[in-house]
Amino acid sequence: MEKQVVSVKLDINLYWKLKSEVGTGKISRFVENLIARELNTQEQKLAQEYQEAAKDKSRWKEVKEWEQAQMVDWNKQDDGENN
């Protein structure tokens, strides 16, 4: 797997704690795992929120109303009313 170097500034106390607990030479892997886990959690949360939103019939009604309003606006522009 190809890797990309990323420079991150940390509070000096946090750095020394990280170095003592994770160990020299293991910080990159530790940080990479934390980032991957956090991004995965966020993706799962977003997917769940989309699924919940899809079940909300009142939202679908509102979406349909917005779509119809936009179509009316486009039709007015095509007819030259907004020029």
PDB file of N, CA and C in Angstrom:
ATOM      1  N   MET A   1       0.830  -1.169   0.000  1.00  0.00           N
ATOM      2  CA  MET A   1       0.000   0.000   0.000  1.00  0.00           C
ATOM      3  C   MET A   1       0.884   1.245   0.000  1.00  0.00           C
ATOM      4  N   GLU A   2       0.513   2.186  -0.840  1.00  0.00           N
ATOM      5  CA  GLU A   2       1.268   3.437  -0.922  1.00  0.00           C
ATOM      6  C   GLU A   2       0.949   4.312   0.289  1.00  0.00           C
ATOM      7  N   LYS A   3       1.935   4.994   0.797  1.00  0.00           N
ATOM      8  CA  LYS A   3       1.776   5.852   1.972  1.00  0.00           C
ATOM      9  C   LYS A   3       2.046   7.301   1.609  1.00  0.00           C
ATOM     10  N   GLN A   4       1.453   8.209   2.355  1.00  0.00           N
ATOM     11  CA  GLN A   4       1.657   9.647   2.193  1.00  0.00           C
ATOM     12  C   GLN A   4       2.120  10.207   3.527  1.00  0.00           C
ATOM     13  N   VAL A   5       3.148  11.000   3.508  1.00  0.00           N
ATOM     14  CA  VAL A   5       3.658  11.630   4.726  1.00  0.00           C
ATOM     15  C   VAL A   5       2.760  12.816   5.062  1.00  0.00           C
ATOM     16  N   VAL A   6       2.374  12.912   6.337  1.00  0.00           N
ATOM     17  CA  VAL A   6       1.543  14.003   6.829  1.00  0.00           C
ATOM     18  C   VAL A   6       2.229  14.582   8.062  1.00  0.00           C
ATOM     19  N   SER A   7       2.358  15.874   8.093  1.00  0.00           N
ATOM     20  CA  SER A   7       2.967  16.538   9.243  1.00  0.00           C
ATOM     21  C   SER A   7       1.863  17.073  10.144  1.00  0.00           C
ATOM     22  N   VAL A   8       1.944  16.733  11.437  1.00  0.00           N
ATOM     23  CA  VAL A   8       0.926  17.149  12.396  1.00  0.00           C
ATOM     24  C   VAL A   8       1.614  17.777  13.598  1.00  0.00           C
ATOM     25  N   LYS A   9       1.109  18.920  14.036  1.00  0.00           N
ATOM     26  CA  LYS A   9       1.654  19.563  15.226  1.00  0.00           C
ATOM     27  C   LYS A   9       0.813  19.153  16.425  1.00  0.00           C
ATOM     28  N   LEU A  10       1.496  18.725  17.495  1.00  0.00           N
ATOM     29  CA  LEU A  10       0.832  18.315  18.725  1.00  0.00           C
ATOM     30  C   LEU A  10       1.381  19.116  19.893  1.00  0.00           C
ATOM     31  N   ASP A  11       0.558  19.258  20.905  1.00  0.00           N
ATOM     32  CA  ASP A  11       1.029  19.814  22.155  1.00  0.00           C
ATOM     33  C   ASP A  11       2.183  18.935  22.638  1.00  0.00           C
ATOM     34  N   ILE A  12       3.243  19.538  23.144  1.00  0.00           N
ATOM     35  CA  ILE A  12       4.443  18.789  23.520  1.00  0.00           C
ATOM     36  C   ILE A  12       4.146  17.731  24.577  1.00  0.00           C
ATOM     37  N   ASN A  13       3.276  18.058  25.539  1.00  0.00           N
ATOM     38  CA  ASN A  13       2.926  17.072  26.568  1.00  0.00           C
ATOM     39  C   ASN A  13       2.174  15.880  25.980  1.00  0.00           C
ATOM     40  N   LEU A  14       1.289  16.157  25.027  1.00  0.00           N
ATOM     41  CA  LEU A  14       0.566  15.074  24.363  1.00  0.00           C
ATOM     42  C   LEU A  14       1.538  14.201  23.572  1.00  0.00           C
ATOM     43  N   TYR A  15       2.480  14.839  22.901  1.00  0.00           N
ATOM     44  CA  TYR A  15       3.471  14.076  22.138  1.00  0.00           C
ATOM     45  C   TYR A  15       4.258  13.131  23.048  1.00  0.00           C
ATOM     46  N   TRP A  16       4.755  13.631  24.186  1.00  0.00           N
ATOM     47  CA  TRP A  16       5.557  12.783  25.067  1.00  0.00           C
ATOM     48  C   TRP A  16       4.718  11.656  25.666  1.00  0.00           C
ATOM     49  N   LYS A  17       3.473  11.939  25.955  1.00  0.00           N
ATOM     50  CA  LYS A  17       2.580  10.889  26.468  1.00  0.00           C
ATOM     51  C   LYS A  17       2.345   9.836  25.383  1.00  0.00           C
ATOM     52  N   LEU A  18       2.087  10.289  24.160  1.00  0.00           N
ATOM     53  CA  LEU A  18       1.898   9.384  23.032  1.00  0.00           C
ATOM     54  C   LEU A  18       3.137   8.523  22.821  1.00  0.00           C
ATOM     55  N   LYS A  19       4.292   9.153  22.828  1.00  0.00           N
ATOM     56  CA  LYS A  19       5.545   8.438  22.617  1.00  0.00           C
ATOM     57  C   LYS A  19       5.792   7.410  23.720  1.00  0.00           C
ATOM     58  N   SER A  20       5.496   7.758  24.967  1.00  0.00           N
ATOM     59  CA  SER A  20       5.744   6.823  26.063  1.00  0.00           C
ATOM     60  C   SER A  20       4.745   5.670  26.074  1.00  0.00           C
ATOM     61  N   GLU A  21       3.507   5.926  25.685  1.00  0.00           N
ATOM     62  CA  GLU A  21       2.493   4.878  25.729  1.00  0.00           C
ATOM     63  C   GLU A  21       2.464   4.016  24.475  1.00  0.00           C
ATOM     64  N   VAL A  22       2.703   4.621  23.322  1.00  0.00           N
ATOM     65  CA  VAL A  22       2.648   3.878  22.058  1.00  0.00           C
ATOM     66  C   VAL A  22       4.010   3.315  21.699  1.00  0.00           C
ATOM     67  N   GLY A  23       5.027   4.094  21.937  1.00  0.00           N
ATOM     68  CA  GLY A  23       6.375   3.649  21.635  1.00  0.00           C
ATOM     69  C   GLY A  23       6.944   4.297  20.400  1.00  0.00           C
ATOM     70  N   THR A  24       8.229   4.492  20.428  1.00  0.00           N
ATOM     71  CA  THR A  24       8.927   5.076  19.294  1.00  0.00           C
ATOM     72  C   THR A  24       8.808   4.149  18.096  1.00  0.00           C
ATOM     73  N   GLY A  25       8.529   4.733  16.936  1.00  0.00           N
ATOM     74  CA  GLY A  25       8.420   3.945  15.718  1.00  0.00           C
ATOM     75  C   GLY A  25       7.040   3.350  15.498  1.00  0.00           C
ATOM     76  N   LYS A  26       6.123   3.544  16.448  1.00  0.00           N
ATOM     77  CA  LYS A  26       4.784   2.992  16.307  1.00  0.00           C
ATOM     78  C   LYS A  26       3.701   4.079  16.250  1.00  0.00           C
ATOM     79  N   ILE A  27       4.115   5.320  16.338  1.00  0.00           N
ATOM     80  CA  ILE A  27       3.162   6.424  16.379  1.00  0.00           C
ATOM     81  C   ILE A  27       2.375   6.520  15.075  1.00  0.00           C
ATOM     82  N   SER A  28       3.047   6.396  13.937  1.00  0.00           N
ATOM     83  CA  SER A  28       2.353   6.515  12.650  1.00  0.00           C
ATOM     84  C   SER A  28       1.251   5.480  12.519  1.00  0.00           C
ATOM     85  N   ARG A  29       1.554   4.251  12.843  1.00  0.00           N
ATOM     86  CA  ARG A  29       0.550   3.185  12.744  1.00  0.00           C
ATOM     87  C   ARG A  29      -0.606   3.448  13.712  1.00  0.00           C
ATOM     88  N   PHE A  30      -0.285   3.899  14.916  1.00  0.00           N
ATOM     89  CA  PHE A  30      -1.300   4.210  15.915  1.00  0.00           C
ATOM     90  C   PHE A  30      -2.245   5.302  15.416  1.00  0.00           C
ATOM     91  N   VAL A  31      -1.676   6.389  14.910  1.00  0.00           N
ATOM     92  CA  VAL A  31      -2.472   7.507  14.405  1.00  0.00           C
ATOM     93  C   VAL A  31      -3.294   7.069  13.197  1.00  0.00           C
ATOM     94  N   GLU A  32      -2.698   6.314  12.293  1.00  0.00           N
ATOM     95  CA  GLU A  32      -3.418   5.834  11.115  1.00  0.00           C
ATOM     96  C   GLU A  32      -4.622   4.991  11.515  1.00  0.00           C
ATOM     97  N   ASN A  33      -4.457   4.112  12.490  1.00  0.00           N
ATOM     98  CA  ASN A  33      -5.566   3.276  12.952  1.00  0.00           C
ATOM     99  C   ASN A  33      -6.677   4.105  13.590  1.00  0.00           C
ATOM    100  N   LEU A  34      -6.291   5.108  14.370  1.00  0.00           N
ATOM    101  CA  LEU A  34      -7.296   5.974  14.985  1.00  0.00           C
ATOM    102  C   LEU A  34      -8.098   6.745  13.927  1.00  0.00           C
ATOM    103  N   ILE A  35      -7.396   7.279  12.937  1.00  0.00           N
ATOM    104  CA  ILE A  35      -8.069   8.032  11.876  1.00  0.00           C
ATOM    105  C   ILE A  35      -9.000   7.121  11.083  1.00  0.00           C
ATOM    106  N   ALA A  36      -8.527   5.940  10.728  1.00  0.00           N
ATOM    107  CA  ALA A  36      -9.353   4.999   9.968  1.00  0.00           C
ATOM    108  C   ALA A  36     -10.612   4.632  10.756  1.00  0.00           C
ATOM    109  N   ARG A  37     -10.450   4.371  12.041  1.00  0.00           N
ATOM    110  CA  ARG A  37     -11.593   4.014  12.881  1.00  0.00           C
ATOM    111  C   ARG A  37     -12.592   5.173  12.966  1.00  0.00           C
ATOM    112  N   GLU A  38     -12.087   6.384  13.144  1.00  0.00           N
ATOM    113  CA  GLU A  38     -12.969   7.554  13.250  1.00  0.00           C
ATOM    114  C   GLU A  38     -13.722   7.801  11.940  1.00  0.00           C
ATOM    115  N   LEU A  39     -13.023   7.710  10.819  1.00  0.00           N
ATOM    116  CA  LEU A  39     -13.679   7.922   9.529  1.00  0.00           C
ATOM    117  C   LEU A  39     -14.730   6.853   9.267  1.00  0.00           C
ATOM    118  N   ASN A  40     -14.431   5.623   9.624  1.00  0.00           N
ATOM    119  CA  ASN A  40     -15.394   4.538   9.455  1.00  0.00           C
ATOM    120  C   ASN A  40     -16.634   4.786  10.305  1.00  0.00           C
ATOM    121  N   THR A  41     -16.425   5.237  11.539  1.00  0.00           N
ATOM    122  CA  THR A  41     -17.545   5.545  12.431  1.00  0.00           C
ATOM    123  C   THR A  41     -18.415   6.649  11.838  1.00  0.00           C
ATOM    124  N   GLN A  42     -17.779   7.686  11.301  1.00  0.00           N
ATOM    125  CA  GLN A  42     -18.527   8.792  10.702  1.00  0.00           C
ATOM    126  C   GLN A  42     -19.304   8.335   9.473  1.00  0.00           C
ATOM    127  N   GLU A  43     -18.702   7.485   8.645  1.00  0.00           N
ATOM    128  CA  GLU A  43     -19.390   6.970   7.460  1.00  0.00           C
ATOM    129  C   GLU A  43     -20.600   6.139   7.853  1.00  0.00           C
ATOM    130  N   GLN A  44     -20.446   5.302   8.877  1.00  0.00           N
ATOM    131  CA  GLN A  44     -21.561   4.484   9.343  1.00  0.00           C
ATOM    132  C   GLN A  44     -22.686   5.356   9.899  1.00  0.00           C
ATOM    133  N   LYS A  45     -22.321   6.388  10.649  1.00  0.00           N
ATOM    134  CA  LYS A  45     -23.312   7.297  11.212  1.00  0.00           C
ATOM    135  C   LYS A  45     -24.066   8.021  10.103  1.00  0.00           C
ATOM    136  N   LEU A  46     -23.352   8.492   9.098  1.00  0.00           N
ATOM    137  CA  LEU A  46     -23.981   9.190   7.983  1.00  0.00           C
ATOM    138  C   LEU A  46     -24.923   8.260   7.218  1.00  0.00           C
ATOM    139  N   ALA A  47     -24.489   7.032   6.984  1.00  0.00           N
ATOM    140  CA  ALA A  47     -25.343   6.059   6.294  1.00  0.00           C
ATOM    141  C   ALA A  47     -26.615   5.791   7.092  1.00  0.00           C
ATOM    142  N   GLN A  48     -26.485   5.672   8.398  1.00  0.00           N
ATOM    143  CA  GLN A  48     -27.647   5.438   9.256  1.00  0.00           C
ATOM    144  C   GLN A  48     -28.595   6.638   9.204  1.00  0.00           C
ATOM    145  N   GLU A  49     -28.040   7.837   9.218  1.00  0.00           N
ATOM    146  CA  GLU A  49     -28.875   9.041   9.149  1.00  0.00           C
ATOM    147  C   GLU A  49     -29.607   9.125   7.814  1.00  0.00           C
ATOM    148  N   TYR A  50     -28.949   8.747   6.722  1.00  0.00           N
ATOM    149  CA  TYR A  50     -29.610   8.724   5.415  1.00  0.00           C
ATOM    150  C   TYR A  50     -30.749   7.714   5.412  1.00  0.00           C
ATOM    151  N   GLN A  51     -30.522   6.548   6.003  1.00  0.00           N
ATOM    152  CA  GLN A  51     -31.560   5.523   6.061  1.00  0.00           C
ATOM    153  C   GLN A  51     -32.757   6.014   6.872  1.00  0.00           C
ATOM    154  N   GLU A  52     -32.495   6.667   7.989  1.00  0.00           N
ATOM    155  CA  GLU A  52     -33.572   7.205   8.808  1.00  0.00           C
ATOM    156  C   GLU A  52     -34.332   8.300   8.069  1.00  0.00           C
ATOM    157  N   ALA A  53     -33.614   9.153   7.367  1.00  0.00           N
ATOM    158  CA  ALA A  53     -34.249  10.231   6.609  1.00  0.00           C
ATOM    159  C   ALA A  53     -35.118   9.666   5.487  1.00  0.00           C
ATOM    160  N   ALA A  54     -34.657   8.585   4.870  1.00  0.00           N
ATOM    161  CA  ALA A  54     -35.416   7.977   3.776  1.00  0.00           C
ATOM    162  C   ALA A  54     -36.754   7.420   4.264  1.00  0.00           C
ATOM    163  N   LYS A  55     -36.824   7.059   5.537  1.00  0.00           N
ATOM    164  CA  LYS A  55     -38.057   6.514   6.107  1.00  0.00           C
ATOM    165  C   LYS A  55     -39.041   7.600   6.519  1.00  0.00           C
ATOM    166  N   ASP A  56     -38.594   8.840   6.571  1.00  0.00           N
ATOM    167  CA  ASP A  56     -39.413   9.957   7.039  1.00  0.00           C
ATOM    168  C   ASP A  56     -40.285  10.479   5.893  1.00  0.00           C
ATOM    169  N   LYS A  57     -41.559  10.118   5.914  1.00  0.00           N
ATOM    170  CA  LYS A  57     -42.473  10.482   4.825  1.00  0.00           C
ATOM    171  C   LYS A  57     -42.698  11.989   4.733  1.00  0.00           C
ATOM    172  N   SER A  58     -42.646  12.695   5.854  1.00  0.00           N
ATOM    173  CA  SER A  58     -42.852  14.149   5.804  1.00  0.00           C
ATOM    174  C   SER A  58     -41.712  14.826   5.048  1.00  0.00           C
ATOM    175  N   ARG A  59     -40.494  14.273   5.173  1.00  0.00           N
ATOM    176  CA  ARG A  59     -39.360  14.837   4.415  1.00  0.00           C
ATOM    177  C   ARG A  59     -39.544  14.616   2.922  1.00  0.00           C
ATOM    178  N   TRP A  60     -40.054  13.426   2.550  1.00  0.00           N
ATOM    179  CA  TRP A  60     -40.274  13.151   1.134  1.00  0.00           C
ATOM    180  C   TRP A  60     -41.315  14.100   0.564  1.00  0.00           C
ATOM    181  N   LYS A  61     -42.355  14.397   1.362  1.00  0.00           N
ATOM    182  CA  LYS A  61     -43.368  15.342   0.910  1.00  0.00           C
ATOM    183  C   LYS A  61     -42.746  16.710   0.656  1.00  0.00           C
ATOM    184  N   GLU A  62     -41.896  17.148   1.589  1.00  0.00           N
ATOM    185  CA  GLU A  62     -41.235  18.444   1.440  1.00  0.00           C
ATOM    186  C   GLU A  62     -40.313  18.455   0.227  1.00  0.00           C
ATOM    187  N   VAL A  63     -39.602  17.365  -0.006  1.00  0.00           N
ATOM    188  CA  VAL A  63     -38.716  17.267  -1.179  1.00  0.00           C
ATOM    189  C   VAL A  63     -39.533  17.406  -2.457  1.00  0.00           C
ATOM    190  N   LYS A  64     -40.666  16.719  -2.512  1.00  0.00           N
ATOM    191  CA  LYS A  64     -41.527  16.793  -3.706  1.00  0.00           C
ATOM    192  C   LYS A  64     -42.019  18.223  -3.925  1.00  0.00           C
ATOM    193  N   GLU A  65     -42.372  18.908  -2.827  1.00  0.00           N
ATOM    194  CA  GLU A  65     -42.832  20.294  -2.950  1.00  0.00           C
ATOM    195  C   GLU A  65     -41.722  21.188  -3.497  1.00  0.00           C
ATOM    196  N   TRP A  66     -40.487  20.997  -3.011  1.00  0.00           N
ATOM    197  CA  TRP A  66     -39.356  21.787  -3.505  1.00  0.00           C
ATOM    198  C   TRP A  66     -39.103  21.489  -4.979  1.00  0.00           C
ATOM    199  N   GLU A  67     -39.190  20.208  -5.348  1.00  0.00           N
ATOM    200  CA  GLU A  67     -38.972  19.848  -6.747  1.00  0.00           C
ATOM    201  C   GLU A  67     -40.003  20.515  -7.644  1.00  0.00           C
ATOM    202  N   GLN A  68     -41.254  20.511  -7.212  1.00  0.00           N
ATOM    203  CA  GLN A  68     -42.316  21.135  -8.011  1.00  0.00           C
ATOM    204  C   GLN A  68     -42.097  22.641  -8.118  1.00  0.00           C
ATOM    205  N   ALA A  69     -41.700  23.265  -7.009  1.00  0.00           N
ATOM    206  CA  ALA A  69     -41.445  24.714  -7.022  1.00  0.00           C
ATOM    207  C   ALA A  69     -40.295  25.048  -7.971  1.00  0.00           C
ATOM    208  N   GLN A  70     -39.278  24.235  -7.989  1.00  0.00           N
ATOM    209  CA  GLN A  70     -38.147  24.471  -8.885  1.00  0.00           C
ATOM    210  C   GLN A  70     -38.567  24.292 -10.333  1.00  0.00           C
ATOM    211  N   MET A  71     -39.420  23.320 -10.597  1.00  0.00           N
ATOM    212  CA  MET A  71     -39.885  23.104 -11.970  1.00  0.00           C
ATOM    213  C   MET A  71     -40.698  24.308 -12.441  1.00  0.00           C
ATOM    214  N   VAL A  72     -41.504  24.879 -11.562  1.00  0.00           N
ATOM    215  CA  VAL A  72     -42.281  26.060 -11.916  1.00  0.00           C
ATOM    216  C   VAL A  72     -41.339  27.208 -12.237  1.00  0.00           C
ATOM    217  N   ASP A  73     -40.297  27.401 -11.428  1.00  0.00           N
ATOM    218  CA  ASP A  73     -39.320  28.462 -11.685  1.00  0.00           C
ATOM    219  C   ASP A  73     -38.633  28.257 -13.026  1.00  0.00           C
ATOM    220  N   TRP A  74     -38.242  27.025 -13.335  1.00  0.00           N
ATOM    221  CA  TRP A  74     -37.584  26.751 -14.604  1.00  0.00           C
ATOM    222  C   TRP A  74     -38.538  27.004 -15.766  1.00  0.00           C
ATOM    223  N   ASN A  75     -39.787  26.625 -15.596  1.00  0.00           N
ATOM    224  CA  ASN A  75     -40.769  26.845 -16.660  1.00  0.00           C
ATOM    225  C   ASN A  75     -40.969  28.333 -16.905  1.00  0.00           C
ATOM    226  N   LYS A  76     -40.967  29.135 -15.836  1.00  0.00           N
ATOM    227  CA  LYS A  76     -41.100  30.585 -16.004  1.00  0.00           C
ATOM    228  C   LYS A  76     -39.913  31.151 -16.775  1.00  0.00           C
ATOM    229  N   GLN A  77     -38.722  30.651 -16.485  1.00  0.00           N
ATOM    230  CA  GLN A  77     -37.534  31.133 -17.191  1.00  0.00           C
ATOM    231  C   GLN A  77     -37.598  30.750 -18.655  1.00  0.00           C
ATOM    232  N   ASP A  78     -38.084  29.550 -18.935  1.00  0.00           N
ATOM    233  CA  ASP A  78     -38.202  29.105 -20.331  1.00  0.00           C
ATOM    234  C   ASP A  78     -39.212  29.953 -21.095  1.00  0.00           C
ATOM    235  N   ASP A  79     -40.258  30.436 -20.395  1.00  0.00           N
ATOM    236  CA  ASP A  79     -41.293  31.248 -21.040  1.00  0.00           C
ATOM    237  C   ASP A  79     -40.877  32.708 -21.189  1.00  0.00           C
ATOM    238  N   GLY A  80     -39.718  33.079 -20.615  1.00  0.00           N
ATOM    239  CA  GLY A  80     -39.233  34.444 -20.723  1.00  0.00           C
ATOM    240  C   GLY A  80     -39.815  35.390 -19.692  1.00  0.00           C
ATOM    241  N   GLU A  81     -40.483  34.874 -18.661  1.00  0.00           N
ATOM    242  CA  GLU A  81     -41.099  35.726 -17.666  1.00  0.00           C
ATOM    243  C   GLU A  81     -40.074  36.365 -16.735  1.00  0.00           C
ATOM    244  N   ASN A  82     -38.913  35.760 -16.530  1.00  0.00           N
ATOM    245  CA  ASN A  82     -37.922  36.274 -15.597  1.00  0.00           C
ATOM    246  C   ASN A  82     -36.822  37.065 -16.294  1.00  0.00           C
ATOM    247  N   ASN A  83     -36.990  37.379 -17.552  1.00  0.00           N
ATOM    248  CA  ASN A  83     -35.938  38.091 -18.274  1.00  0.00           C
ATOM    249  C   ASN A  83     -36.092  39.546 -18.161  1.00  0.00           C
TER     250      ASN A  83
END
